PDB file of N, CA and C in Angstrom:
ATOM      1  N   ALA A   1       0.847  -1.302  -0.041  1.00  0.00           N
ATOM      2  CA  ALA A   1       0.002   0.166   0.008  1.00  0.00           C
ATOM      3  C   ALA A   1       1.070   1.489  -0.008  1.00  0.00           C
ATOM      4  N   TYR A   2       0.624   2.289  -0.907  1.00  0.00           N
ATOM      5  CA  TYR A   2       1.027   3.231  -0.930  1.00  0.00           C
ATOM      6  C   TYR A   2       0.641   4.291   0.103  1.00  0.00           C
ATOM      7  N   LEU A   3       1.724   5.052   1.530  1.00  0.00           N
ATOM      8  CA  LEU A   3       1.267   5.961   1.949  1.00  0.00           C
ATOM      9  C   LEU A   3       2.088   7.333   1.571  1.00  0.00           C
ATOM     10  N   LYS A   4       0.960   8.103   1.784  1.00  0.00           N
ATOM     11  CA  LYS A   4       1.101   9.288   1.069  1.00  0.00           C
ATOM     12  C   LYS A   4       1.660  10.331   2.611  1.00  0.00           C
ATOM     13  N   ARG A   5       2.931  11.026   2.539  1.00  0.00           N
ATOM     14  CA  ARG A   5       3.121  11.705   4.046  1.00  0.00           C
ATOM     15  C   ARG A   5       2.390  12.802   3.756  1.00  0.00           C
ATOM     16  N   LEU A   6       2.063  13.380   5.025  1.00  0.00           N
ATOM     17  CA  LEU A   6       1.363  14.780   5.163  1.00  0.00           C
ATOM     18  C   LEU A   6       2.263  15.910   5.222  1.00  0.00           C
ATOM     19  N   THR A   7       1.623  16.827   4.787  1.00  0.00           N
ATOM     20  CA  THR A   7       2.411  18.465   4.553  1.00  0.00           C
ATOM     21  C   THR A   7       2.240  18.896   5.900  1.00  0.00           C
ATOM     22  N   GLU A   8       3.439  19.488   5.762  1.00  0.00           N
ATOM     23  CA  GLU A   8       3.177  20.583   7.816  1.00  0.00           C
ATOM     24  C   GLU A   8       1.759  20.900   7.829  1.00  0.00           C
ATOM     25  N   GLY A   9       1.376  21.661   6.589  1.00  0.00           N
ATOM     26  CA  GLY A   9      -0.197  22.296   6.718  1.00  0.00           C
ATOM     27  C   GLY A   9      -1.406  21.194   7.085  1.00  0.00           C
ATOM     28  N   GLU A  10      -1.001  19.970   6.451  1.00  0.00           N
ATOM     29  CA  GLU A  10      -2.142  19.008   6.602  1.00  0.00           C
ATOM     30  C   GLU A  10      -2.055  18.282   7.889  1.00  0.00           C
ATOM     31  N   ALA A  11      -0.750  18.408   8.607  1.00  0.00           N
ATOM     32  CA  ALA A  11      -1.063  17.860  10.033  1.00  0.00           C
ATOM     33  C   ALA A  11      -1.194  18.662  10.395  1.00  0.00           C
ATOM     34  N   ARG A  12      -0.567  20.126  10.735  1.00  0.00           N
ATOM     35  CA  ARG A  12      -1.430  21.292  11.143  1.00  0.00           C
ATOM     36  C   ARG A  12      -2.955  21.397  11.883  1.00  0.00           C
ATOM     37  N   LYS A  13      -3.320  21.381  10.423  1.00  0.00           N
ATOM     38  CA  LYS A  13      -4.947  21.221  10.160  1.00  0.00           C
ATOM     39  C   LYS A  13      -5.678  19.973  10.677  1.00  0.00           C
ATOM     40  N   TYR A  14      -5.146  18.690  10.875  1.00  0.00           N
ATOM     41  CA  TYR A  14      -5.858  17.586  11.724  1.00  0.00           C
ATOM     42  C   TYR A  14      -5.533  17.407  13.073  1.00  0.00           C
ATOM     43  N   PHE A  15      -4.260  18.038  13.875  1.00  0.00           N
ATOM     44  CA  PHE A  15      -4.375  18.076  15.146  1.00  0.00           C
ATOM     45  C   PHE A  15      -4.977  19.162  15.596  1.00  0.00           C
ATOM     46  N   GLN A  16      -5.268  20.382  14.330  1.00  0.00           N
ATOM     47  CA  GLN A  16      -6.078  21.365  15.397  1.00  0.00           C
ATOM     48  C   GLN A  16      -7.768  20.508  15.644  1.00  0.00           C
ATOM     49  N   GLN A  17      -7.753  19.818  14.633  1.00  0.00           N
ATOM     50  CA  GLN A  17      -9.386  19.386  14.903  1.00  0.00           C
ATOM     51  C   GLN A  17      -9.335  18.284  16.211  1.00  0.00           C
ATOM     52  N   LEU A  18      -8.046  18.044  16.230  1.00  0.00           N
ATOM     53  CA  LEU A  18      -8.157  16.981  17.487  1.00  0.00           C
ATOM     54  C   LEU A  18      -8.411  17.784  18.423  1.00  0.00           C
ATOM     55  N   ILE A  19      -7.528  18.844  18.808  1.00  0.00           N
ATOM     56  CA  ILE A  19      -7.562  19.584  20.002  1.00  0.00           C
ATOM     57  C   ILE A  19      -9.008  20.152  20.339  1.00  0.00           C
ATOM     58  N   ASP A  20     -10.129  20.640  19.146  1.00  0.00           N
ATOM     59  CA  ASP A  20     -11.031  21.504  18.957  1.00  0.00           C
ATOM     60  C   ASP A  20     -11.952  20.193  20.022  1.00  0.00           C
ATOM     61  N   ALA A  21     -11.675  18.562  19.130  1.00  0.00           N
ATOM     62  CA  ALA A  21     -12.650  17.752  19.472  1.00  0.00           C
ATOM     63  C   ALA A  21     -12.373  17.504  21.150  1.00  0.00           C
ATOM     64  N   VAL A  22     -11.105  17.288  21.651  1.00  0.00           N
ATOM     65  CA  VAL A  22     -11.367  17.411  23.379  1.00  0.00           C
ATOM     66  C   VAL A  22     -12.249  18.409  23.502  1.00  0.00           C
ATOM     67  N   ASP A  23     -11.588  19.806  23.427  1.00  0.00           N
ATOM     68  CA  ASP A  23     -11.965  21.244  24.080  1.00  0.00           C
ATOM     69  C   ASP A  23     -13.429  20.799  24.145  1.00  0.00           C
ATOM     70  N   TYR A  24     -14.142  20.429  23.346  1.00  0.00           N
ATOM     71  CA  TYR A  24     -15.507  20.258  23.099  1.00  0.00           C
ATOM     72  C   TYR A  24     -15.717  19.549  23.895  1.00  0.00           C
ATOM     73  N   CYS A  25     -15.565  18.407  24.013  1.00  0.00           N
ATOM     74  CA  CYS A  25     -15.699  17.504  24.993  1.00  0.00           C
ATOM     75  C   CYS A  25     -15.592  17.688  26.308  1.00  0.00           C
ATOM     76  N   HIS A  26     -14.292  18.142  27.000  1.00  0.00           N
ATOM     77  CA  HIS A  26     -14.014  18.858  28.093  1.00  0.00           C
ATOM     78  C   HIS A  26     -15.170  19.960  28.477  1.00  0.00           C
ATOM     79  N   LEU A  27     -15.634  21.013  27.613  1.00  0.00           N
ATOM     80  CA  LEU A  27     -16.485  21.632  28.101  1.00  0.00           C
ATOM     81  C   LEU A  27     -18.282  21.301  28.314  1.00  0.00           C
ATOM     82  N   ARG A  28     -17.933  20.129  28.080  1.00  0.00           N
ATOM     83  CA  ARG A  28     -19.341  19.462  28.257  1.00  0.00           C
ATOM     84  C   ARG A  28     -19.153  18.232  29.148  1.00  0.00           C
ATOM     85  N   GLY A  29     -18.362  18.292  30.093  1.00  0.00           N
ATOM     86  CA  GLY A  29     -17.332  17.554  30.704  1.00  0.00           C
ATOM     87  C   GLY A  29     -17.629  16.113  30.708  1.00  0.00           C
ATOM     88  N   VAL A  30     -17.265  15.709  29.555  1.00  0.00           N
ATOM     89  CA  VAL A  30     -16.730  14.559  29.270  1.00  0.00           C
ATOM     90  C   VAL A  30     -14.903  14.787  29.290  1.00  0.00           C
ATOM     91  N   CYS A  31     -14.289  13.483  29.810  1.00  0.00           N
ATOM     92  CA  CYS A  31     -13.321  13.280  30.264  1.00  0.00           C
ATOM     93  C   CYS A  31     -12.259  12.160  29.423  1.00  0.00           C
ATOM     94  N   HIS A  32     -11.214  12.332  28.909  1.00  0.00           N
ATOM     95  CA  HIS A  32     -10.505  10.957  28.601  1.00  0.00           C
ATOM     96  C   HIS A  32      -9.490  10.804  29.446  1.00  0.00           C
ATOM     97  N   ARG A  33      -9.071   9.184  29.377  1.00  0.00           N
ATOM     98  CA  ARG A  33      -8.505   9.201  30.172  1.00  0.00           C
ATOM     99  C   ARG A  33      -7.093   8.618  29.378  1.00  0.00           C
ATOM    100  N   ASP A  34      -6.744   8.396  28.471  1.00  0.00           N
ATOM    101  CA  ASP A  34      -6.278   7.901  27.751  1.00  0.00           C
ATOM    102  C   ASP A  34      -6.452   8.374  25.743  1.00  0.00           C
ATOM    103  N   LEU A  35      -5.057   9.508  25.385  1.00  0.00           N
ATOM    104  CA  LEU A  35      -5.087   9.587  23.996  1.00  0.00           C
ATOM    105  C   LEU A  35      -3.920   9.366  23.319  1.00  0.00           C
ATOM    106  N   LYS A  36      -3.919   8.200  22.757  1.00  0.00           N
ATOM    107  CA  LYS A  36      -2.520   8.578  21.473  1.00  0.00           C
ATOM    108  C   LYS A  36      -2.568   8.475  19.922  1.00  0.00           C
TER     109      LYS A  36
END
């Protein structure tokens, strides 16, 4: 299988989405035990 590397801009976009999702959960009282 061919794996395309992410550009820095793409990686930043996905990481920001992850941060936003965790923040959304925290604001609603949902906590996580393990993110990898």
